[in-house]
Amino acid sequence: MVGRVGRPHGVRGAFVVEQASEAPERFAIGARLLAGGERVEVVESKRAGGGRLVIRLDRGVVRGTALEVPRAELPEPEEDSYYVFQLVGLRVEEEGGAELGGVADVVPGSANDVLELDSGLLLPLVEECVRQVDLERGRIVVAPGFSDPV
């Protein structure tokens, strides 16, 4: 997801983009996105008061709709970087083999992102915690001690 359709802006179908990607080219005039699984094109793009991103698409979309780009159009992530969709669903285990659950989501945090597991456990997405991400084997290995109750 690169953003979400927010509240309307004006009367011509423009809207504020919530949770907008930091890549400005995603919302440039002519950019193609997926909205609710359908291809749409950005026909207007500007900054409103407070620096909020406002766009208009070539067709109407419902508030709350996720704005996405096809996976094939995403650039390869930098080394030791991952897209959220690559991590969701991976099994998480501690060094030594203890299963902790599966990644349900990656939540942005103030200091770092957090792995939210389907078991309810939250793990910081930092080098001290995450020892290995193995996409081929579908698992993440974390250091011991991060899953201990406080």
C-alpha atoms as a PDB file:
ATOM      1  CA  MET A   1       0.000   0.000   0.000  1.00  0.00           C
ATOM      2  CA  VAL A   2       1.300   3.457  -0.885  1.00  0.00           C
ATOM      3  CA  GLY A   3      -1.591   5.389   0.613  1.00  0.00           C
ATOM      4  CA  ARG A   4      -5.276   5.420   1.435  1.00  0.00           C
ATOM      5  CA  VAL A   5      -8.144   7.543   0.106  1.00  0.00           C
ATOM      6  CA  GLY A   6      -8.863  10.141   2.774  1.00  0.00           C
ATOM      7  CA  ARG A   7     -11.392  12.902   3.181  1.00  0.00           C
ATOM      8  CA  PRO A   8     -12.639  14.794   0.131  1.00  0.00           C
ATOM      9  CA  HIS A   9     -10.903  18.025  -0.876  1.00  0.00           C
ATOM     10  CA  GLY A  10     -13.030  20.335  -2.973  1.00  0.00           C
ATOM     11  CA  VAL A  11     -15.944  19.369  -5.203  1.00  0.00           C
ATOM     12  CA  ARG A  12     -14.195  17.837  -8.244  1.00  0.00           C
ATOM     13  CA  GLY A  13     -13.337  14.445  -6.695  1.00  0.00           C
ATOM     14  CA  ALA A  14      -9.934  15.253  -5.204  1.00  0.00           C
ATOM     15  CA  PHE A  15      -9.047  13.797  -1.811  1.00  0.00           C
ATOM     16  CA  VAL A  16      -6.356  13.880   0.847  1.00  0.00           C
ATOM     17  CA  VAL A  17      -4.028  10.876   0.704  1.00  0.00           C
ATOM     18  CA  GLU A  18      -3.652   9.275   4.130  1.00  0.00           C
ATOM     19  CA  GLN A  19      -0.526   7.274   5.019  1.00  0.00           C
ATOM     20  CA  ALA A  20       1.094   8.491   1.792  1.00  0.00           C
ATOM     21  CA  SER A  21       4.304   6.912   0.547  1.00  0.00           C
ATOM     22  CA  GLU A  22       7.380   9.074   0.916  1.00  0.00           C
ATOM     23  CA  ALA A  23       8.156   8.498  -2.783  1.00  0.00           C
ATOM     24  CA  PRO A  24       6.666  11.591  -4.510  1.00  0.00           C
ATOM     25  CA  GLU A  25       6.656   9.917  -7.945  1.00  0.00           C
ATOM     26  CA  ARG A  26       3.909   7.560  -6.725  1.00  0.00           C
ATOM     27  CA  PHE A  27       1.410  10.458  -6.862  1.00  0.00           C
ATOM     28  CA  ALA A  28       2.740  12.534  -9.767  1.00  0.00           C
ATOM     29  CA  ILE A  29       0.336  13.417 -12.569  1.00  0.00           C
ATOM     30  CA  GLY A  30       0.190  10.416 -14.901  1.00  0.00           C
ATOM     31  CA  ALA A  31       1.203   7.892 -12.234  1.00  0.00           C
ATOM     32  CA  ARG A  32      -0.771   4.660 -12.372  1.00  0.00           C
ATOM     33  CA  LEU A  33      -2.032   3.035  -9.204  1.00  0.00           C
ATOM     34  CA  LEU A  34      -4.396   0.303  -8.116  1.00  0.00           C
ATOM     35  CA  ALA A  35      -7.459   1.395  -6.153  1.00  0.00           C
ATOM     36  CA  GLY A  36      -9.540  -1.493  -4.923  1.00  0.00           C
ATOM     37  CA  GLY A  37      -7.739  -3.717  -7.427  1.00  0.00           C
ATOM     38  CA  GLU A  38      -8.600  -1.517 -10.423  1.00  0.00           C
ATOM     39  CA  ARG A  39      -6.127   0.534 -12.439  1.00  0.00           C
ATOM     40  CA  VAL A  40      -6.457   4.299 -11.942  1.00  0.00           C
ATOM     41  CA  GLU A  41      -4.393   7.275 -13.053  1.00  0.00           C
ATOM     42  CA  VAL A  42      -3.468  10.410 -11.115  1.00  0.00           C
ATOM     43  CA  VAL A  43      -4.841  13.417 -13.018  1.00  0.00           C
ATOM     44  CA  GLU A  44      -4.198  16.098 -10.386  1.00  0.00           C
ATOM     45  CA  SER A  45      -1.613  16.291  -7.604  1.00  0.00           C
ATOM     46  CA  LYS A  46      -0.841  19.152  -5.219  1.00  0.00           C
ATOM     47  CA  ARG A  47      -0.006  20.061  -1.635  1.00  0.00           C
ATOM     48  CA  ALA A  48      -2.753  21.658   0.442  1.00  0.00           C
ATOM     49  CA  GLY A  49      -2.525  23.578   3.705  1.00  0.00           C
ATOM     50  CA  GLY A  50      -0.223  21.934   6.209  1.00  0.00           C
ATOM     51  CA  GLY A  51       1.612  20.130   3.426  1.00  0.00           C
ATOM     52  CA  ARG A  52      -1.101  17.487   3.010  1.00  0.00           C
ATOM     53  CA  LEU A  53      -0.978  15.594  -0.280  1.00  0.00           C
ATOM     54  CA  VAL A  54      -4.142  15.996  -2.359  1.00  0.00           C
ATOM     55  CA  ILE A  55      -4.754  14.042  -5.567  1.00  0.00           C
ATOM     56  CA  ARG A  56      -7.576  13.395  -8.013  1.00  0.00           C
ATOM     57  CA  LEU A  57      -7.859  10.182  -9.980  1.00  0.00           C
ATOM     58  CA  ASP A  58      -9.370   9.559 -13.409  1.00  0.00           C
ATOM     59  CA  ARG A  59     -12.393   7.994 -11.688  1.00  0.00           C
ATOM     60  CA  GLY A  60     -14.105   8.189  -8.334  1.00  0.00           C
ATOM     61  CA  VAL A  61     -13.032   5.956  -5.462  1.00  0.00           C
ATOM     62  CA  VAL A  62     -14.536   5.282  -2.061  1.00  0.00           C
ATOM     63  CA  ARG A  63     -12.993   6.828   1.050  1.00  0.00           C
ATOM     64  CA  GLY A  64     -10.783   4.320   2.850  1.00  0.00           C
ATOM     65  CA  THR A  65      -9.752   2.482  -0.334  1.00  0.00           C
ATOM     66  CA  ALA A  66      -6.125   1.358  -0.318  1.00  0.00           C
ATOM     67  CA  LEU A  67      -3.913   2.845  -3.036  1.00  0.00           C
ATOM     68  CA  GLU A  68      -1.344   0.340  -4.254  1.00  0.00           C
ATOM     69  CA  VAL A  69       1.181  -0.307  -6.985  1.00  0.00           C
ATOM     70  CA  PRO A  70       1.574  -3.690  -8.689  1.00  0.00           C
ATOM     71  CA  ARG A  71       4.376  -5.733  -7.117  1.00  0.00           C
ATOM     72  CA  ALA A  72       6.084  -6.101 -10.490  1.00  0.00           C
ATOM     73  CA  GLU A  73       6.537  -2.311 -10.627  1.00  0.00           C
ATOM     74  CA  LEU A  74       8.248  -2.042  -7.235  1.00  0.00           C
ATOM     75  CA  PRO A  75      11.992  -1.484  -7.234  1.00  0.00           C
ATOM     76  CA  GLU A  76      14.105  -4.127  -5.547  1.00  0.00           C
ATOM     77  CA  PRO A  77      14.555  -3.200  -1.891  1.00  0.00           C
ATOM     78  CA  GLU A  78      18.021  -2.331  -0.669  1.00  0.00           C
ATOM     79  CA  GLU A  79      20.074  -5.049   1.000  1.00  0.00           C
ATOM     80  CA  ASP A  80      18.595  -6.060   4.385  1.00  0.00           C
ATOM     81  CA  SER A  81      15.407  -4.093   3.589  1.00  0.00           C
ATOM     82  CA  TYR A  82      12.024  -5.633   2.912  1.00  0.00           C
ATOM     83  CA  TYR A  83       8.530  -4.666   1.855  1.00  0.00           C
ATOM     84  CA  VAL A  84       5.812  -5.282   4.446  1.00  0.00           C
ATOM     85  CA  PHE A  85       4.064  -7.763   2.116  1.00  0.00           C
ATOM     86  CA  GLN A  86       7.263  -9.851   2.083  1.00  0.00           C
ATOM     87  CA  LEU A  87       7.251 -10.167   5.879  1.00  0.00           C
ATOM     88  CA  VAL A  88       3.547 -10.711   6.560  1.00  0.00           C
ATOM     89  CA  GLY A  89       2.900 -14.433   6.941  1.00  0.00           C
ATOM     90  CA  LEU A  90       6.468 -15.416   7.790  1.00  0.00           C
ATOM     91  CA  ARG A  91       6.898 -17.690  10.817  1.00  0.00           C
ATOM     92  CA  VAL A  92       8.947 -16.202  13.662  1.00  0.00           C
ATOM     93  CA  GLU A  93      11.165 -18.301  15.893  1.00  0.00           C
ATOM     94  CA  GLU A  94      13.803 -17.607  18.498  1.00  0.00           C
ATOM     95  CA  GLU A  95      17.382 -18.743  18.038  1.00  0.00           C
ATOM     96  CA  GLY A  96      17.186 -22.269  19.376  1.00  0.00           C
ATOM     97  CA  GLY A  97      13.896 -23.030  17.629  1.00  0.00           C
ATOM     98  CA  ALA A  98      11.067 -21.816  19.903  1.00  0.00           C
ATOM     99  CA  GLU A  99       8.085 -20.844  17.685  1.00  0.00           C
ATOM    100  CA  LEU A 100       6.668 -17.394  18.501  1.00  0.00           C
ATOM    101  CA  GLY A 101       3.955 -17.055  15.839  1.00  0.00           C
ATOM    102  CA  GLY A 102       3.502 -15.583  12.384  1.00  0.00           C
ATOM    103  CA  VAL A 103       3.877 -11.979  11.256  1.00  0.00           C
ATOM    104  CA  ALA A 104       0.395 -10.463  11.061  1.00  0.00           C
ATOM    105  CA  ASP A 105       1.549  -6.906  10.302  1.00  0.00           C
ATOM    106  CA  VAL A 106       4.456  -4.488  10.429  1.00  0.00           C
ATOM    107  CA  VAL A 107       3.494  -1.428  12.439  1.00  0.00           C
ATOM    108  CA  PRO A 108       5.345   1.890  12.110  1.00  0.00           C
ATOM    109  CA  GLY A 109       6.763   3.026  15.450  1.00  0.00           C
ATOM    110  CA  SER A 110       8.301   6.256  16.659  1.00  0.00           C
ATOM    111  CA  ALA A 111      11.803   4.782  16.997  1.00  0.00           C
ATOM    112  CA  ASN A 112      11.518   1.717  14.746  1.00  0.00           C
ATOM    113  CA  ASP A 113       8.976  -0.497  13.031  1.00  0.00           C
ATOM    114  CA  VAL A 114       7.449  -3.350  15.029  1.00  0.00           C
ATOM    115  CA  LEU A 115       6.596  -6.900  13.983  1.00  0.00           C
ATOM    116  CA  GLU A 116       3.081  -7.676  15.191  1.00  0.00           C
ATOM    117  CA  LEU A 117       2.656 -11.432  15.505  1.00  0.00           C
ATOM    118  CA  ASP A 118      -0.608 -13.371  15.307  1.00  0.00           C
ATOM    119  CA  SER A 119       0.155 -14.552  18.852  1.00  0.00           C
ATOM    120  CA  GLY A 120      -0.171 -10.953  20.093  1.00  0.00           C
ATOM    121  CA  LEU A 121       3.572 -10.558  20.600  1.00  0.00           C
ATOM    122  CA  LEU A 122       5.233  -7.321  19.437  1.00  0.00           C
ATOM    123  CA  LEU A 123       8.900  -7.440  18.426  1.00  0.00           C
ATOM    124  CA  PRO A 124      11.076  -4.457  17.470  1.00  0.00           C
ATOM    125  CA  LEU A 125      12.299  -4.595  13.891  1.00  0.00           C
ATOM    126  CA  VAL A 126      15.896  -3.799  14.860  1.00  0.00           C
ATOM    127  CA  GLU A 127      19.171  -5.617  14.292  1.00  0.00           C
ATOM    128  CA  GLU A 128      19.558  -6.500  17.985  1.00  0.00           C
ATOM    129  CA  CYS A 129      16.273  -8.447  17.821  1.00  0.00           C
ATOM    130  CA  VAL A 130      15.944  -9.693  14.235  1.00  0.00           C
ATOM    131  CA  ARG A 131      18.899 -11.947  13.473  1.00  0.00           C
ATOM    132  CA  GLN A 132      17.800 -13.351  10.111  1.00  0.00           C
ATOM    133  CA  VAL A 133      15.043 -12.884   7.560  1.00  0.00           C
ATOM    134  CA  ASP A 134      14.839 -15.936   5.301  1.00  0.00           C
ATOM    135  CA  LEU A 135      12.216 -15.279   2.618  1.00  0.00           C
ATOM    136  CA  GLU A 136      12.931 -18.587   0.855  1.00  0.00           C
ATOM    137  CA  ARG A 137      12.270 -20.637   4.001  1.00  0.00           C
ATOM    138  CA  GLY A 138       9.461 -18.326   5.129  1.00  0.00           C
ATOM    139  CA  ARG A 139      10.873 -17.487   8.532  1.00  0.00           C
ATOM    140  CA  ILE A 140      12.402 -14.819  10.713  1.00  0.00           C
ATOM    141  CA  VAL A 141      14.847 -15.734  13.458  1.00  0.00           C
ATOM    142  CA  VAL A 142      14.993 -13.434  16.493  1.00  0.00           C
ATOM    143  CA  ALA A 143      17.362 -13.190  19.449  1.00  0.00           C
ATOM    144  CA  PRO A 144      16.242 -14.715  22.731  1.00  0.00           C
ATOM    145  CA  GLY A 145      14.859 -12.431  25.412  1.00  0.00           C
ATOM    146  CA  PHE A 146      12.666 -10.203  23.239  1.00  0.00           C
ATOM    147  CA  SER A 147       9.620 -12.439  23.723  1.00  0.00           C
ATOM    148  CA  ASP A 148       9.934 -12.586  27.516  1.00  0.00           C
ATOM    149  CA  PRO A 149       7.063 -11.024  29.450  1.00  0.00           C
ATOM    150  CA  VAL A 150       7.900  -7.700  31.048  1.00  0.00           C
END
